Amino acid sequence: MPQGRPVVVYIAGSGRSGSTLLERLLGLQKGYVNVGEVIELFRKVTVGGERCGCRKPFADCEFWQEVGQRAFNGWSPRLLSHIAALQRRVGRQRHFPRLLVPATISPACRADLNHLGEVYACLYAAICEVSGQDVVVDASKWPAHGLALSRSGAVDLRVVHLVRDVRGVAYSWSKSDVVRPHSASIAPAFMATHQVGRTALRWAAFQMECEALTRAVPWSTRIRYEDLVQSPGEAVERCARDLGLDDAPGPVKGFDIDSVTLPSSHGLAGNPSRFSTGRVELRLDEAWRDSMSVPSRRAVTALTLPVLFGYGYLHRRNGDPR
């Protein structure tokens, strides 16, 4: 394994905020390797036999099998179950307050944190070895999991807090007809759905936790989904600069004015767009403006008003209150 702690760009935020896009754009840059939502490797990817971003089932993906061999001498069922249980013990959202104050961490929890850090350090280092890159981009998103990794001290975690207008997030979670191509089964699977009120409250809580996470690590930045889509090159440059990685070799690459060329990758879980390759149009998804019901829109806005204001989402555009 390489000497020193593996460097990881950890994308934190609410689901349906554009993390798959940001992760893949960062993965285009020299020295970076994007691997999707690593937390899901132990929670559902291996358990459900899901597809990697290369479209092969996880068990048939040469990249991930080589990573597992180098990190753990293979992906044994016992190992996968053990790591999944370890994640549940220290990296769930209910653990966030305890992790936020190091003095309140019990000896048993500290031992689990150290073990989790060792496991992920081995995993990230193996990813770097197999890919030949220096920086891992992990779009796991969960703030508590990121804080657990940071508190372990085994990983050089640099956090991108990704924010999207909660009304777009809530509308996306409310759609029940989005096919989930990750499943390797013949029967069609669909993306999970949530009621808009629940999504709004969860979104607000996640933003506060992400803010706390960024204060707990030495390197962090915040990017809005809307700015990412409209100026992807600038967003990627800002990530590198704010995370102390601007000395990485090579300029920002891969972007035209309104499109990007995306190769296949070995990202796990995430948005169905993970499987889109070739020339992809970068288009701001604001379908909620026309398709979200007025009552739902008003309810979500009311529930998250202070947070929306803080992130600049309540200005008027063309006479339309955001």
Protein backbone atom coordinates (compact mmCIF):
# COMPACT_ATOMS: atom_id res chain seq x y z
CA MET A 1 0.00 0.00 0.00
CA PRO A 2 1.15 3.61 -0.64
CA GLN A 3 2.68 5.42 2.34
CA GLY A 4 0.64 8.08 4.12
CA ARG A 5 -3.08 8.59 4.42
CA PRO A 6 -5.13 8.26 1.23
CA VAL A 7 -6.52 11.59 -0.02
CA VAL A 8 -10.29 11.48 -0.50
CA VAL A 9 -12.65 14.10 -1.91
CA TYR A 10 -15.85 13.32 -0.03
CA ILE A 11 -19.05 14.74 -1.53
CA ALA A 12 -21.57 15.40 1.25
CA GLY A 13 -25.18 16.46 0.86
CA SER A 14 -28.73 15.34 0.31
CA GLY A 15 -29.64 12.70 -2.24
CA ARG A 16 -30.80 13.95 -5.67
CA SER A 17 -28.49 16.96 -5.49
CA GLY A 18 -26.22 16.18 -8.42
CA SER A 19 -23.49 14.25 -6.63
CA THR A 20 -23.20 11.66 -9.41
CA LEU A 21 -22.57 14.44 -11.92
CA LEU A 22 -20.00 16.22 -9.75
CA GLU A 23 -18.23 12.97 -8.96
CA ARG A 24 -17.95 12.05 -12.64
CA LEU A 25 -16.76 15.52 -13.63
CA LEU A 26 -14.04 15.39 -10.99
CA GLY A 27 -13.11 11.93 -12.21
CA LEU A 28 -12.28 13.39 -15.62
CA GLN A 29 -9.38 15.31 -14.15
CA LYS A 30 -5.86 13.90 -14.13
CA GLY A 31 -4.96 12.32 -10.81
CA TYR A 32 -8.57 11.68 -9.73
CA VAL A 33 -10.59 8.46 -9.75
CA ASN A 34 -14.35 8.54 -9.14
CA VAL A 35 -15.88 5.45 -7.54
CA GLY A 36 -19.44 6.48 -6.75
CA GLU A 37 -21.02 5.95 -3.33
CA VAL A 38 -18.54 3.72 -1.53
CA ILE A 39 -20.76 3.45 1.54
CA GLU A 40 -23.27 1.51 -0.57
CA LEU A 41 -20.68 -1.12 -1.49
CA PHE A 42 -21.28 -2.76 1.88
CA ARG A 43 -24.95 -1.83 2.26
CA LYS A 44 -26.55 -2.90 -1.00
CA VAL A 45 -24.19 -3.20 -3.98
CA THR A 46 -22.66 -6.52 -2.98
CA VAL A 47 -25.77 -7.78 -1.19
CA GLY A 48 -27.99 -7.13 -4.21
CA GLY A 49 -25.44 -8.01 -6.87
CA GLU A 50 -25.79 -4.53 -8.38
CA ARG A 51 -24.02 -3.28 -11.47
CA CYS A 52 -20.89 -1.19 -11.44
CA GLY A 53 -20.79 1.93 -13.63
CA CYS A 54 -19.04 -0.22 -16.24
CA ARG A 55 -22.38 -2.09 -16.51
CA LYS A 56 -20.97 -5.37 -15.24
CA PRO A 57 -22.34 -6.93 -12.04
CA PHE A 58 -20.04 -6.09 -9.13
CA ALA A 59 -18.83 -9.69 -8.87
CA ASP A 60 -17.77 -9.63 -12.54
CA CYS A 61 -16.05 -6.23 -12.52
CA GLU A 62 -12.29 -6.75 -12.83
CA PHE A 63 -11.55 -3.36 -11.26
CA TRP A 64 -13.47 -3.99 -8.04
CA GLN A 65 -12.33 -7.59 -7.76
CA GLU A 66 -8.71 -6.45 -7.97
CA VAL A 67 -9.38 -3.71 -5.40
CA GLY A 68 -10.90 -6.26 -3.02
CA GLN A 69 -7.99 -8.63 -3.51
CA ARG A 70 -5.38 -5.97 -2.76
CA ALA A 71 -7.24 -4.45 0.18
CA PHE A 72 -8.69 -7.52 1.92
CA ASN A 73 -7.55 -10.62 0.03
CA GLY A 74 -10.98 -10.76 -1.58
CA TRP A 75 -14.60 -9.84 -0.87
CA SER A 76 -15.64 -12.62 1.50
CA PRO A 77 -19.28 -12.60 2.72
CA ARG A 78 -18.01 -12.48 6.29
CA LEU A 79 -15.90 -9.39 5.58
CA LEU A 80 -18.74 -7.58 3.83
CA SER A 81 -21.15 -8.33 6.68
CA HIS A 82 -18.59 -7.20 9.25
CA ILE A 83 -17.94 -3.86 7.56
CA ALA A 84 -21.66 -3.22 7.04
CA ALA A 85 -22.23 -3.77 10.77
CA LEU A 86 -19.28 -1.52 11.60
CA GLN A 87 -20.74 1.27 9.48
CA ARG A 88 -24.07 0.92 11.28
CA ARG A 89 -22.44 1.13 14.70
CA VAL A 90 -20.59 4.40 14.17
CA GLY A 91 -21.63 6.07 10.92
CA ARG A 92 -25.41 6.48 11.09
CA GLN A 93 -27.03 9.89 11.31
CA ARG A 94 -28.10 9.36 14.92
CA HIS A 95 -24.40 9.16 15.84
CA PHE A 96 -23.63 12.60 14.41
CA PRO A 97 -23.96 14.63 17.65
CA ARG A 98 -21.66 12.26 19.51
CA LEU A 99 -19.06 12.32 16.73
CA LEU A 100 -19.19 16.11 16.65
CA VAL A 101 -17.75 16.36 20.18
CA PRO A 102 -14.66 14.14 20.46
CA ALA A 103 -14.74 14.25 24.27
CA THR A 104 -18.08 12.38 24.26
CA ILE A 105 -16.77 9.47 22.18
CA SER A 106 -16.62 6.34 24.34
CA PRO A 107 -13.64 3.94 24.26
CA ALA A 108 -15.76 1.32 22.48
CA CYS A 109 -16.86 3.85 19.86
CA ARG A 110 -13.28 5.06 19.47
CA ALA A 111 -12.15 1.49 18.81
CA ASP A 112 -14.87 1.11 16.16
CA LEU A 113 -13.90 4.44 14.57
CA ASN A 114 -10.26 3.38 14.39
CA HIS A 115 -11.25 0.08 12.82
CA LEU A 116 -13.55 1.78 10.30
CA GLY A 117 -10.74 4.16 9.38
CA GLU A 118 -8.30 1.29 8.89
CA VAL A 119 -10.76 -0.55 6.65
CA TYR A 120 -11.49 2.48 4.49
CA ALA A 121 -7.83 3.52 4.35
CA CYS A 122 -6.98 0.07 2.95
CA LEU A 123 -9.89 0.30 0.51
CA TYR A 124 -9.05 3.80 -0.73
CA ALA A 125 -5.35 2.95 -1.04
CA ALA A 126 -6.19 -0.13 -3.11
CA ILE A 127 -8.45 1.99 -5.35
CA CYS A 128 -5.53 4.36 -5.96
CA GLU A 129 -3.18 1.48 -6.70
CA VAL A 130 -5.48 -0.26 -9.15
CA SER A 131 -6.54 2.96 -10.91
CA GLY A 132 -3.08 4.52 -10.92
CA GLN A 133 -4.54 7.79 -9.58
CA ASP A 134 -3.79 9.81 -6.44
CA VAL A 135 -7.16 11.17 -5.26
CA VAL A 136 -10.33 9.15 -4.66
CA VAL A 137 -13.68 10.86 -5.25
CA ASP A 138 -16.30 9.30 -2.95
CA ALA A 139 -19.90 10.50 -3.39
CA SER A 140 -21.27 8.68 -0.33
CA LYS A 141 -22.97 11.94 0.78
CA TRP A 142 -23.92 10.92 4.34
CA PRO A 143 -22.49 13.56 6.75
CA ALA A 144 -22.23 11.16 9.71
CA HIS A 145 -20.26 8.63 7.68
CA GLY A 146 -17.91 11.37 6.50
CA LEU A 147 -17.45 12.62 10.05
CA ALA A 148 -16.74 9.09 11.26
CA LEU A 149 -14.01 8.70 8.63
CA SER A 150 -12.55 12.08 9.57
CA ARG A 151 -12.58 11.31 13.30
CA SER A 152 -10.77 8.03 12.66
CA GLY A 153 -7.71 9.97 11.53
CA ALA A 154 -6.82 7.29 8.98
CA VAL A 155 -8.09 9.15 5.91
CA ASP A 156 -7.18 12.61 4.59
CA LEU A 157 -10.80 13.64 4.03
CA ARG A 158 -11.55 16.82 2.05
CA VAL A 159 -15.22 17.68 1.92
CA VAL A 160 -17.38 19.16 -0.83
CA HIS A 161 -20.74 20.27 0.54
CA LEU A 162 -23.06 19.99 -2.46
CA VAL A 163 -26.35 21.90 -2.21
CA ARG A 164 -29.40 21.90 -4.47
CA ASP A 165 -32.65 23.85 -4.16
CA VAL A 166 -34.80 21.72 -1.87
CA ARG A 167 -37.80 22.05 -4.18
CA GLY A 168 -35.87 20.33 -6.93
CA VAL A 169 -34.72 17.68 -4.45
CA ALA A 170 -38.24 17.08 -3.11
CA TYR A 171 -39.76 16.87 -6.58
CA SER A 172 -37.10 14.38 -7.69
CA TRP A 173 -37.73 12.16 -4.66
CA SER A 174 -41.49 12.26 -5.30
CA LYS A 175 -41.29 10.71 -8.77
CA SER A 176 -42.23 7.03 -8.75
CA ASP A 177 -41.50 6.11 -12.36
CA VAL A 178 -37.71 6.47 -12.46
CA VAL A 179 -36.13 3.16 -13.44
CA ARG A 180 -33.10 2.07 -11.42
CA PRO A 181 -30.71 0.39 -13.90
CA HIS A 182 -28.23 -0.61 -11.19
CA SER A 183 -30.08 -3.85 -10.51
CA ALA A 184 -28.74 -6.92 -12.28
CA SER A 185 -32.09 -8.71 -12.02
CA ILE A 186 -34.39 -9.18 -15.00
CA ALA A 187 -37.39 -7.58 -13.28
CA PRO A 188 -37.35 -3.76 -13.50
CA ALA A 189 -36.42 -1.85 -10.35
CA PHE A 190 -37.31 1.75 -9.55
CA MET A 191 -35.65 4.53 -7.59
CA ALA A 192 -36.89 5.05 -4.03
CA THR A 193 -39.49 7.74 -3.35
CA HIS A 194 -40.22 9.97 -0.36
CA GLN A 195 -43.06 12.31 0.61
CA VAL A 196 -42.15 15.95 -0.03
CA GLY A 197 -42.57 17.11 3.57
CA ARG A 198 -40.25 14.41 4.86
CA THR A 199 -37.73 15.24 2.16
CA ALA A 200 -37.82 18.93 3.08
CA LEU A 201 -37.13 18.33 6.77
CA ARG A 202 -34.43 15.81 6.02
CA TRP A 203 -32.81 18.18 3.51
CA ALA A 204 -32.67 20.98 6.10
CA ALA A 205 -31.14 18.66 8.70
CA PHE A 206 -28.58 17.39 6.21
CA GLN A 207 -27.45 20.92 5.34
CA MET A 208 -26.84 21.72 8.99
CA GLU A 209 -24.90 18.50 9.44
CA CYS A 210 -22.88 19.17 6.29
CA GLU A 211 -22.03 22.63 7.60
CA ALA A 212 -20.80 21.05 10.83
CA LEU A 213 -18.80 18.46 8.89
CA THR A 214 -17.04 21.14 6.85
CA ARG A 215 -16.02 22.89 10.07
CA ALA A 216 -14.61 19.64 11.45
CA VAL A 217 -12.13 19.05 8.60
CA PRO A 218 -9.15 21.17 7.50
CA TRP A 219 -10.20 21.38 3.82
CA SER A 220 -13.73 21.96 2.55
CA THR A 221 -15.82 23.90 0.06
CA ARG A 222 -19.47 24.38 -0.86
CA ILE A 223 -20.91 24.15 -4.37
CA ARG A 224 -24.48 24.61 -5.53
CA TYR A 225 -25.85 22.16 -8.07
CA GLU A 226 -27.20 25.04 -10.12
CA ASP A 227 -23.74 26.64 -10.37
CA LEU A 228 -22.15 23.29 -11.16
CA VAL A 229 -24.37 22.71 -14.20
CA GLN A 230 -24.09 26.27 -15.50
CA SER A 231 -20.30 26.59 -14.98
CA PRO A 232 -18.83 23.10 -14.53
CA GLY A 233 -15.25 24.09 -15.29
CA GLU A 234 -15.30 26.84 -12.67
CA ALA A 235 -16.88 24.49 -10.12
CA VAL A 236 -14.21 21.84 -10.64
CA GLU A 237 -11.44 24.44 -10.45
CA ARG A 238 -12.89 25.78 -7.20
CA CYS A 239 -13.04 22.28 -5.74
CA ALA A 240 -9.34 21.75 -6.44
CA ARG A 241 -8.38 25.18 -5.13
CA ASP A 242 -10.47 25.15 -1.96
CA LEU A 243 -9.52 21.58 -1.12
CA GLY A 244 -5.80 22.26 -1.41
CA LEU A 245 -5.46 20.13 -4.54
CA ASP A 246 -4.82 22.87 -7.09
CA ASP A 247 -1.24 21.70 -7.52
CA ALA A 248 -2.50 18.44 -9.02
CA PRO A 249 -1.07 17.91 -12.53
CA GLY A 250 -3.07 18.88 -15.57
CA PRO A 251 -5.66 21.56 -16.36
CA VAL A 252 -9.41 21.22 -15.99
CA LYS A 253 -10.60 19.23 -18.97
CA GLY A 254 -13.59 17.62 -20.62
CA PHE A 255 -16.03 20.54 -20.87
CA ASP A 256 -17.61 22.48 -23.69
CA ILE A 257 -20.05 25.33 -23.16
CA ASP A 258 -23.06 23.10 -22.49
CA SER A 259 -21.88 19.50 -22.72
CA VAL A 260 -19.28 17.05 -21.50
CA THR A 261 -17.87 13.76 -22.76
CA LEU A 262 -18.23 11.13 -20.05
CA PRO A 263 -16.43 7.79 -20.30
CA SER A 264 -17.54 4.65 -18.55
CA SER A 265 -16.32 4.46 -14.95
CA HIS A 266 -16.41 2.11 -11.99
CA GLY A 267 -18.75 4.23 -9.87
CA LEU A 268 -21.20 2.48 -7.55
CA ALA A 269 -24.87 3.30 -6.86
CA GLY A 270 -26.03 6.89 -7.37
CA ASN A 271 -28.25 8.40 -10.05
CA PRO A 272 -29.25 6.41 -13.17
CA SER A 273 -27.19 8.94 -15.15
CA ARG A 274 -24.17 6.97 -13.91
CA PHE A 275 -24.65 4.73 -16.95
CA SER A 276 -24.77 7.58 -19.49
CA THR A 277 -21.60 7.78 -21.58
CA GLY A 278 -20.36 9.77 -24.54
CA ARG A 279 -21.44 13.33 -25.20
CA VAL A 280 -23.86 14.38 -22.46
CA GLU A 281 -25.74 17.69 -22.42
CA LEU A 282 -25.36 19.69 -19.23
CA ARG A 283 -28.84 21.03 -18.61
CA LEU A 284 -30.19 22.55 -15.42
CA ASP A 285 -33.00 20.32 -14.15
CA GLU A 286 -35.70 22.65 -12.83
CA ALA A 287 -38.72 20.56 -13.76
CA TRP A 288 -40.13 21.29 -10.32
CA ARG A 289 -40.99 24.82 -11.44
CA ASP A 290 -43.63 23.56 -13.86
CA SER A 291 -44.46 20.08 -12.57
CA MET A 292 -44.51 20.38 -8.78
CA SER A 293 -47.95 21.11 -7.37
CA VAL A 294 -48.43 24.55 -5.83
CA PRO A 295 -49.38 23.15 -2.37
CA SER A 296 -46.29 20.92 -2.31
CA ARG A 297 -44.07 23.75 -3.46
CA ARG A 298 -45.40 26.11 -0.80
CA ALA A 299 -45.13 23.49 1.94
CA VAL A 300 -41.52 22.63 1.10
CA THR A 301 -40.60 26.32 0.90
CA ALA A 302 -42.23 27.07 4.26
CA LEU A 303 -40.54 24.14 6.00
CA THR A 304 -37.07 25.17 4.82
CA LEU A 305 -37.38 28.95 4.50
CA PRO A 306 -34.37 30.04 6.61
CA VAL A 307 -32.05 27.49 4.98
CA LEU A 308 -33.23 28.36 1.47
CA PHE A 309 -32.57 32.02 2.20
CA GLY A 310 -29.10 31.26 3.54
CA TYR A 311 -28.11 29.50 0.32
CA GLY A 312 -29.48 32.25 -1.91
CA TYR A 313 -32.53 30.42 -3.27
CA LEU A 314 -35.19 33.02 -2.49
CA HIS A 315 -34.35 35.80 -4.93
CA ARG A 316 -36.77 36.57 -7.77
CA ARG A 317 -36.08 35.58 -11.35
CA ASN A 318 -38.26 36.97 -14.12
CA GLY A 319 -40.87 37.87 -11.55
CA ASP A 320 -41.10 34.29 -10.28
CA PRO A 321 -40.38 33.82 -6.59
CA ARG A 322 -37.90 31.01 -6.21
